[in-house]
N, C-alpha and C. Protein backbone atom coordinates (compact mmCIF):
# COMPACT_ATOMS: atom_id res chain seq x y z
N MET A 1 0.50 -1.00 0.02
CA MET A 1 0.03 0.35 -0.12
C MET A 1 1.28 1.25 0.19
N ASP A 2 0.05 2.01 -0.73
CA ASP A 2 1.44 3.63 -0.48
C ASP A 2 0.92 4.44 0.31
N GLY A 3 1.80 5.21 0.77
CA GLY A 3 1.79 5.94 1.56
C GLY A 3 0.72 7.00 2.11
N LYS A 4 0.01 7.60 0.64
CA LYS A 4 -0.72 8.18 0.80
C LYS A 4 -1.90 7.20 0.67
N LYS A 5 -2.53 6.34 0.31
CA LYS A 5 -3.13 5.11 1.29
C LYS A 5 -3.51 5.33 2.11
N LEU A 6 -2.12 4.53 2.70
CA LEU A 6 -2.32 4.60 4.42
C LEU A 6 -2.66 5.41 5.20
N GLN A 7 -1.86 6.86 5.04
CA GLN A 7 -2.64 7.85 5.26
C GLN A 7 -4.77 8.15 4.76
N GLU A 8 -5.07 8.07 3.74
CA GLU A 8 -6.08 8.64 4.05
C GLU A 8 -7.46 7.84 4.75
N PHE A 9 -6.52 6.25 3.88
CA PHE A 9 -7.68 5.07 4.65
C PHE A 9 -7.90 5.04 6.73
N ALA A 10 -6.30 5.69 6.87
CA ALA A 10 -6.18 6.10 8.50
C ALA A 10 -7.87 6.84 9.19
N ALA A 11 -7.06 8.06 8.28
CA ALA A 11 -7.80 9.34 8.50
C ALA A 11 -9.34 8.97 8.65
N ALA A 12 -10.28 8.35 7.37
CA ALA A 12 -11.33 8.28 7.15
C ALA A 12 -11.70 6.49 8.11
N ARG A 13 -10.55 6.09 8.46
CA ARG A 13 -11.56 5.74 9.76
C ARG A 13 -11.88 6.44 11.05
N ALA A 14 -10.75 7.02 11.38
CA ALA A 14 -10.17 7.68 12.55
C ALA A 14 -12.09 9.45 12.62
N GLU A 15 -11.28 8.79 11.21
CA GLU A 15 -13.82 10.64 11.42
C GLU A 15 -14.80 10.15 11.53
N GLU A 16 -14.54 8.81 11.57
CA GLU A 16 -16.00 7.71 12.13
C GLU A 16 -15.71 7.30 13.30
N LEU A 17 -15.25 7.64 14.29
CA LEU A 17 -15.28 7.12 15.76
C LEU A 17 -15.90 8.60 16.43
N PRO A 18 -16.87 8.22 17.01
CA PRO A 18 -16.99 9.36 17.58
C PRO A 18 -16.53 10.40 19.49
N GLY A 19 -16.54 11.32 18.79
CA GLY A 19 -15.86 12.29 19.35
C GLY A 19 -14.06 12.45 18.66
N ALA A 20 -13.86 11.51 18.11
CA ALA A 20 -12.47 11.95 17.21
C ALA A 20 -12.41 13.37 16.84
N GLU A 21 -11.38 14.21 16.58
CA GLU A 21 -11.51 15.44 16.45
C GLU A 21 -9.73 15.48 15.10
N LEU A 22 -9.69 16.33 14.31
CA LEU A 22 -8.66 16.60 13.63
C LEU A 22 -8.27 17.77 13.89
N THR A 23 -6.63 17.63 14.92
CA THR A 23 -6.31 19.32 15.25
C THR A 23 -4.82 18.98 14.55
N HIS A 24 -4.00 20.04 14.19
CA HIS A 24 -2.94 20.08 13.79
C HIS A 24 -1.42 20.77 15.61
N PRO A 25 -0.97 21.03 16.24
CA PRO A 25 -0.86 21.31 17.31
C PRO A 25 1.05 21.28 16.78
N PHE A 26 0.99 20.38 16.22
CA PHE A 26 2.79 20.85 15.74
C PHE A 26 2.77 21.44 14.71
N GLY A 27 2.18 22.22 13.84
CA GLY A 27 2.35 22.34 12.50
C GLY A 27 1.13 22.61 11.40
N PRO A 28 1.20 22.42 10.40
CA PRO A 28 0.11 21.25 9.19
C PRO A 28 1.22 19.99 8.89
N ASP A 29 2.55 20.04 8.75
CA ASP A 29 3.41 18.74 8.17
C ASP A 29 2.33 17.21 9.78
N TRP A 30 1.58 17.80 10.43
CA TRP A 30 1.68 16.39 11.16
C TRP A 30 -0.39 16.81 11.18
N GLU A 31 -0.77 15.89 11.53
CA GLU A 31 -2.46 15.78 11.31
C GLU A 31 -1.84 15.16 12.59
N VAL A 32 -2.74 16.17 13.92
CA VAL A 32 -2.77 14.78 15.24
C VAL A 32 -5.15 14.41 15.03
N PHE A 33 -4.78 13.08 15.01
CA PHE A 33 -6.24 12.97 15.99
C PHE A 33 -6.81 13.07 16.75
N LYS A 34 -7.09 13.70 17.81
CA LYS A 34 -7.44 12.92 19.96
C LYS A 34 -9.21 12.59 19.38
N VAL A 35 -9.50 12.67 20.85
CA VAL A 35 -11.02 12.22 21.14
C VAL A 35 -10.34 12.50 22.71
N ARG A 36 -11.16 13.41 22.65
CA ARG A 36 -11.72 14.76 24.29
C ARG A 36 -10.33 15.17 24.62
N ASN A 37 -9.44 15.24 23.45
CA ASN A 37 -8.41 16.03 23.60
C ASN A 37 -7.01 15.23 24.19
N ARG A 38 -6.73 14.17 23.90
CA ARG A 38 -6.13 13.04 23.98
C ARG A 38 -5.59 12.62 22.87
N VAL A 39 -4.36 11.57 22.54
CA VAL A 39 -4.18 11.74 20.80
C VAL A 39 -4.32 10.45 21.10
N PHE A 40 -4.55 9.93 19.87
CA PHE A 40 -4.72 8.58 19.48
C PHE A 40 -4.04 8.04 18.03
N MET A 41 -3.97 8.93 18.01
CA MET A 41 -3.37 8.91 15.97
C MET A 41 -2.30 10.49 15.50
N LEU A 42 -1.35 9.67 14.80
CA LEU A 42 -0.63 10.35 14.19
C LEU A 42 -0.20 10.55 12.58
N LEU A 43 -0.66 11.68 11.39
CA LEU A 43 -0.09 11.39 10.63
C LEU A 43 0.42 12.45 10.30
N THR A 44 1.96 12.45 9.10
CA THR A 44 2.82 13.15 8.91
C THR A 44 3.80 12.65 8.09
N PRO A 45 4.35 13.03 6.58
CA PRO A 45 5.86 12.53 5.79
C PRO A 45 6.58 13.37 6.05
N VAL A 46 6.83 13.75 7.52
CA VAL A 46 8.65 14.00 8.02
C VAL A 46 9.86 13.13 7.55
N THR A 47 9.10 11.84 8.02
CA THR A 47 10.05 10.88 7.31
C THR A 47 10.69 10.91 5.93
N GLY A 48 9.83 10.94 4.97
CA GLY A 48 10.12 11.36 3.43
C GLY A 48 9.06 10.43 2.87
N ASP A 49 8.68 9.73 4.01
CA ASP A 49 7.15 9.17 3.44
C ASP A 49 5.90 8.93 3.93
N PRO A 50 4.73 9.05 4.06
CA PRO A 50 3.44 9.63 4.76
C PRO A 50 3.27 8.35 5.58
N ILE A 51 3.73 8.98 6.92
CA ILE A 51 3.31 7.16 7.71
C ILE A 51 2.48 7.36 8.58
N VAL A 52 2.31 6.48 9.76
CA VAL A 52 0.85 6.63 10.31
C VAL A 52 1.71 6.08 12.53
N VAL A 53 0.79 7.09 13.13
CA VAL A 53 1.35 6.70 13.97
C VAL A 53 0.47 6.53 14.84
N LEU A 54 0.71 5.07 15.97
CA LEU A 54 -0.89 4.89 17.25
C LEU A 54 -0.67 4.24 17.60
N LYS A 55 -1.74 4.58 18.67
CA LYS A 55 -1.66 3.70 20.09
C LYS A 55 -1.50 2.12 20.25
N ALA A 56 -0.76 1.16 20.95
CA ALA A 56 -0.78 0.27 21.02
C ALA A 56 -0.53 -0.25 22.70
N THR A 57 -1.33 -1.39 22.76
CA THR A 57 -0.67 -2.04 24.02
C THR A 57 0.82 -2.08 23.58
N PRO A 58 1.62 -2.64 24.94
CA PRO A 58 3.22 -3.39 24.53
C PRO A 58 2.89 -4.67 23.83
N SER A 59 2.00 -5.23 24.76
CA SER A 59 1.97 -6.65 23.83
C SER A 59 1.68 -7.01 22.73
N ASP A 60 0.21 -5.73 21.74
CA ASP A 60 -0.13 -6.12 20.72
C ASP A 60 0.99 -5.50 19.81
N GLY A 61 1.22 -4.15 19.89
CA GLY A 61 2.78 -3.40 19.45
C GLY A 61 3.41 -5.13 19.10
N GLN A 62 4.66 -5.50 19.75
CA GLN A 62 4.61 -6.37 19.42
C GLN A 62 5.15 -7.82 18.76
N ALA A 63 3.46 -7.45 19.24
CA ALA A 63 3.36 -8.65 17.71
C ALA A 63 2.76 -8.31 16.44
N LEU A 64 2.09 -7.38 15.99
CA LEU A 64 2.38 -6.44 14.96
C LEU A 64 3.26 -5.86 14.05
N ARG A 65 5.01 -5.90 14.80
CA ARG A 65 5.78 -5.48 14.24
C ARG A 65 6.68 -6.73 13.81
N ASP A 66 6.28 -8.11 14.89
CA ASP A 66 6.71 -9.76 14.00
C ASP A 66 6.37 -10.26 13.11
N GLU A 67 5.43 -9.38 13.22
CA GLU A 67 3.88 -9.98 11.73
C GLU A 67 4.16 -9.13 10.39
N TYR A 68 4.73 -7.98 11.17
CA TYR A 68 4.65 -6.92 9.80
C TYR A 68 5.76 -5.96 9.82
N GLU A 69 6.35 -6.12 8.89
CA GLU A 69 7.72 -5.86 8.39
C GLU A 69 7.19 -4.21 8.09
N ASP A 70 6.24 -3.74 7.88
CA ASP A 70 6.22 -1.93 7.80
C ASP A 70 5.21 -1.40 8.88
N ILE A 71 4.80 -2.40 10.30
CA ILE A 71 4.89 -2.30 11.35
C ILE A 71 6.70 -2.03 12.22
N THR A 72 6.49 -0.64 12.62
CA THR A 72 7.86 -0.74 13.61
C THR A 72 7.58 0.22 14.97
N PRO A 73 8.28 0.39 15.95
CA PRO A 73 8.39 1.15 17.20
C PRO A 73 8.17 2.66 16.35
N GLY A 74 6.82 2.97 17.53
CA GLY A 74 6.64 4.37 17.30
C GLY A 74 7.72 5.61 16.91
N TYR A 75 7.49 6.34 15.64
CA TYR A 75 7.95 7.03 15.40
C TYR A 75 7.77 8.59 16.90
N HIS A 76 8.82 9.14 17.31
CA HIS A 76 9.31 10.36 18.26
C HIS A 76 8.18 10.02 18.94
N MET A 77 7.79 8.95 19.22
CA MET A 77 6.77 8.44 20.67
C MET A 77 7.19 7.11 21.48
N ASN A 78 6.74 7.02 22.89
CA ASN A 78 6.83 5.88 23.40
C ASN A 78 7.40 4.22 22.95
N LYS A 79 8.40 4.02 22.86
CA LYS A 79 8.33 2.70 21.55
C LYS A 79 7.91 1.37 21.87
N GLU A 80 6.94 1.87 23.63
CA GLU A 80 6.86 0.50 24.20
C GLU A 80 5.54 0.55 23.44
N HIS A 81 4.94 2.23 23.87
CA HIS A 81 3.58 1.72 23.22
C HIS A 81 2.67 2.63 22.40
N TRP A 82 3.86 2.83 21.70
CA TRP A 82 2.91 3.48 20.43
C TRP A 82 3.46 2.40 19.03
N ILE A 83 3.34 2.44 17.46
CA ILE A 83 3.82 1.87 16.88
C ILE A 83 3.81 2.94 15.31
N THR A 84 4.03 2.30 14.80
CA THR A 84 4.00 3.87 13.24
C THR A 84 4.22 2.59 12.32
N LEU A 85 2.93 3.19 11.61
CA LEU A 85 3.02 1.79 10.29
C LEU A 85 3.11 2.92 8.91
N SER A 86 4.33 2.12 8.21
CA SER A 86 4.55 2.77 7.13
C SER A 86 4.38 2.07 5.50
N PRO A 87 4.35 2.80 4.63
CA PRO A 87 4.39 2.32 2.78
C PRO A 87 4.84 0.83 2.76
N GLY A 88 4.06 -0.03 2.19
CA GLY A 88 4.51 -1.11 2.02
C GLY A 88 4.19 -2.10 1.33
N GLY A 89 4.09 -3.46 1.01
CA GLY A 89 3.39 -4.47 0.82
C GLY A 89 2.75 -5.02 1.78
N SER A 90 3.10 -4.98 3.20
CA SER A 90 2.04 -6.01 4.51
C SER A 90 0.74 -5.88 4.65
N ILE A 91 0.51 -4.34 4.63
CA ILE A 91 -0.31 -3.84 5.50
C ILE A 91 -1.55 -3.32 4.27
N ASP A 92 -2.72 -3.71 4.90
CA ASP A 92 -4.04 -3.86 4.03
C ASP A 92 -4.77 -2.76 4.45
N ARG A 93 -5.97 -2.54 3.97
CA ARG A 93 -7.07 -2.04 4.97
C ARG A 93 -7.39 -1.98 6.49
N ALA A 94 -8.15 -3.21 6.10
CA ALA A 94 -8.50 -3.79 7.77
C ALA A 94 -7.84 -3.53 8.33
N LEU A 95 -6.47 -4.40 8.19
CA LEU A 95 -5.50 -4.04 9.52
C LEU A 95 -5.26 -2.49 9.82
N VAL A 96 -5.35 -1.41 8.65
CA VAL A 96 -5.33 0.10 8.79
C VAL A 96 -6.56 0.49 9.93
N GLU A 97 -8.02 0.01 9.49
CA GLU A 97 -9.48 0.56 10.23
C GLU A 97 -8.92 -0.34 11.75
N ASP A 98 -8.58 -1.90 11.86
CA ASP A 98 -8.30 -1.92 13.02
C ASP A 98 -7.52 -1.35 14.36
N VAL A 99 -6.72 -1.35 13.85
CA VAL A 99 -5.33 -0.63 14.82
C VAL A 99 -5.42 0.73 14.71
N VAL A 100 -6.46 1.42 13.87
CA VAL A 100 -7.29 2.39 14.49
C VAL A 100 -7.50 2.84 15.26
N THR A 101 -9.00 1.92 14.86
CA THR A 101 -9.77 1.62 15.99
C THR A 101 -8.79 0.98 17.74
N ASP A 102 -8.41 0.57 17.50
CA ASP A 102 -7.40 -0.33 18.88
C ASP A 102 -6.69 1.09 18.99
N SER A 103 -5.88 1.47 18.35
CA SER A 103 -5.67 2.28 19.46
C SER A 103 -6.45 3.30 19.62
N TYR A 104 -7.65 4.36 19.43
CA TYR A 104 -8.82 4.42 19.94
C TYR A 104 -9.26 4.96 20.98
N LEU A 105 -9.57 3.36 21.22
CA LEU A 105 -10.49 2.74 22.34
C LEU A 105 -9.46 2.44 23.39
N LEU A 106 -7.95 2.33 23.38
CA LEU A 106 -7.40 3.03 23.85
C LEU A 106 -7.00 3.89 24.80
N VAL A 107 -7.30 5.32 24.35
CA VAL A 107 -7.60 5.69 24.79
C VAL A 107 -8.75 5.96 25.36
N VAL A 108 -9.83 5.69 25.12
CA VAL A 108 -11.25 5.70 25.61
C VAL A 108 -11.44 5.08 26.97
N GLU A 109 -10.95 3.90 26.85
CA GLU A 109 -10.53 3.22 27.94
C GLU A 109 -9.98 3.94 29.35
N LYS A 110 -9.31 5.15 28.76
CA LYS A 110 -8.52 5.71 29.84
C LYS A 110 -9.06 7.13 30.66
N LEU A 111 -10.09 7.30 29.49
CA LEU A 111 -10.97 8.61 30.20
C LEU A 111 -11.46 8.25 30.73
N PRO A 112 -11.90 8.96 32.55
CA PRO A 112 -13.19 8.80 32.82
C PRO A 112 -14.07 8.53 32.68
N LYS A 113 -15.12 7.44 33.23
CA LYS A 113 -16.66 6.76 32.22
C LYS A 113 -17.95 7.92 31.16
N ALA A 114 -17.74 9.33 32.88
CA ALA A 114 -18.43 10.33 32.08
C ALA A 114 -17.92 11.45 30.59
N LYS A 115 -17.02 10.40 30.34
CA LYS A 115 -16.51 11.35 28.81
C LYS A 115 -16.04 10.00 27.62
N GLN A 116 -16.75 9.31 28.21
CA GLN A 116 -16.12 8.49 27.05
C GLN A 116 -17.06 8.08 26.27
N PRO A 117 -16.79 9.16 24.75
CA PRO A 117 -18.08 8.81 23.41
C PRO A 117 -18.69 6.78 23.48
N VAL A 118 -17.60 6.61 23.71
CA VAL A 118 -18.52 5.28 23.40
C VAL A 118 -18.02 4.16 24.93
N ASP A 119 -18.89 2.74 25.29
CA ASP A 119 -18.34 2.15 25.55
C ASP A 119 -17.26 0.82 25.41
N PRO A 120 -15.42 1.26 25.65
CA PRO A 120 -15.09 0.65 25.20
C PRO A 120 -14.55 -0.84 25.50
N SER A 121 -15.93 -1.18 26.08
CA SER A 121 -15.89 -3.00 26.02
C SER A 121 -16.74 -3.31 25.48
N ASN A 122 -17.59 -2.37 24.98
CA ASN A 122 -18.29 -3.04 23.52
C ASN A 122 -18.88 -2.19 22.14
N PHE A 123 -17.68 -2.06 22.80
CA PHE A 123 -17.83 -0.68 20.90
C PHE A 123 -17.73 -1.79 19.81
N GLY A 124 -18.58 -1.41 18.63
CA GLY A 124 -18.35 -2.22 17.44
C GLY A 124 -18.44 -3.52 17.44
N LYS A 125 -18.81 -4.29 18.27
CA LYS A 125 -19.06 -5.97 18.93
C LYS A 125 -20.61 -5.59 18.56
N ARG A 126 -21.77 -6.60 17.76
CA ARG A 126 -22.72 -7.03 17.35
C ARG A 126 -22.72 -8.23 18.00
N ASP A 127 -24.26 -9.16 18.58
CA ASP A 127 -24.78 -9.85 18.45
C ASP A 127 -24.41 -10.60 18.23
N LEU A 128 -24.27 -11.89 18.76
CA LEU A 128 -24.23 -12.60 16.50
C LEU A 128 -25.47 -14.08 17.43
């Protein structure tokens, strides 16, 4: 997947999430998505390629880095709690949408219950 598509898919998914907002606190080269003023995703081309930086649990982040060559530790972020998605052939749209949603939910679950725009324990789950 090329970098432009990678960022387009990530931004489109973030814009669907309740309470998500796009900000530019670090200037025009950084698109920062927040929920209730807490960052869950960053998009930037400053590395030379358009990348997506997302929050992940340490175990999920490690598993993703082990499985996908285009997922590395978070660029300019805590390497244990953030991952970077880079352009390449190992990432598809479904994975991008899943990790964006997971990052969002990690942030939401740390918010006080009264500020959570969704219930993180059952968001997106359907009755089977």
